[in-house]
Amino acid sequence: MATTPTWTPVIAIAIVAIIAGAGLGGFLYYRSLPGSTATPLVVQLGDNVTVNYIGVMGTGAEAGKVFDTSIYSVATNSIGYPKTLEFGLRGSAANYTPLAVHVSGNTPQNGYTLGNLSFIQVVTGFWQGLIGLPGNQSRAIVVPPSLGYGSIRSSCLSTQPLSYTLPVVETLTLTQFGARFSGVTASIGAEFADPYFGWPVLILNTNSSFTTIENLAQVGMVAHPTGWPVLVTSVESTTNGTGAITLLNELSPAQAGLVLGHAVGGQGLCSSPNGEFIVSSVNTANGTYTENYNTEVTGETLIFTVTVVNIFP
């Protein structure tokens, strides 16, 4: 696992209980000391090693689920190894090989290459947990946030209302219209589906500067603009032809930490790709929910089951 969280979804592995049963292979090396019996070579500070690993969430709503792994059979088995929300498969088996790690805190940020191996920078708790481990043996490494991906960044949290309104009638600049309704030609009377909410949209008027549209939402419609059901609870028109559409995010406190969302338009906080976030809390009393744009491993204790494959002193 790299020290800095990446927004490419991390690949995962399952429960610590599988520690040695997954058949993680390796080679056991021996150090021969003059006048003494050969002793197993163990990982020491400054060594270069390759390891197989299974990374599991140790805390939070997804505790026990795999967030990253070096083992293809684990990555592709979602029944035996349940995966986290942001887990992403890296493709074919060729992309799953033992991780090359320099056992030290002075690894360059972009890593370095020795022979055909690229040794990367990993979180402190990971490389520290390898010290003293012999080849072909497994160990569970518990990594707290302080030695992993750090604490939750409050700047990456956004509190949103469970119930909100949108206008029935809107006037948009041509730039705004083109960005929101890509590929649609603005012409009076044209009707098309809203790309986020799915309801019909009617063009009431258009000129060289502005386009006026009407959102033809109806009570009872259910949309999924952010990844979960959003219910249209009322549609009110006013005498001047404007009005408001009231929508309700259908989220419950029991879903906190278990729902993956995407910001409308793909613009999220903290450079999240496609505006991806996790619904980290739902407060029905306050009528709010929280969008967490931190990576799922940020602020959590992680458990790695590791097996040393090779040691290069």
Foldseek 3Di string as FASTA:
>chain_A
DAQADDLQQAFFFFACVCQCVVPFAADWDWDDDPPDDIDTDADAAQWKFWKWKGKAFCDDPRGGAIRHTLAPVRRPDCPVHPHAPRHDDPDDNVSRDTAIAGLYPPAPQAADDDDHHTHHHAFQQVSVVRGGHTAQDKDKGKAALVRGHEAADPQQKDKDFQKDKDKQKDKDWPVVCCLQPPPDDQDAQDWDARPQFGFIKGWHDDDNTITMIGGPDDFQRWTQNWQATKGFHDWDADPVGMTITMIGNPDDQVCASPTKTADRSQDHPPPNGNRIFGFHGQDVVVRITMTGSDPPPNRTIMMMIMHTHDIGD
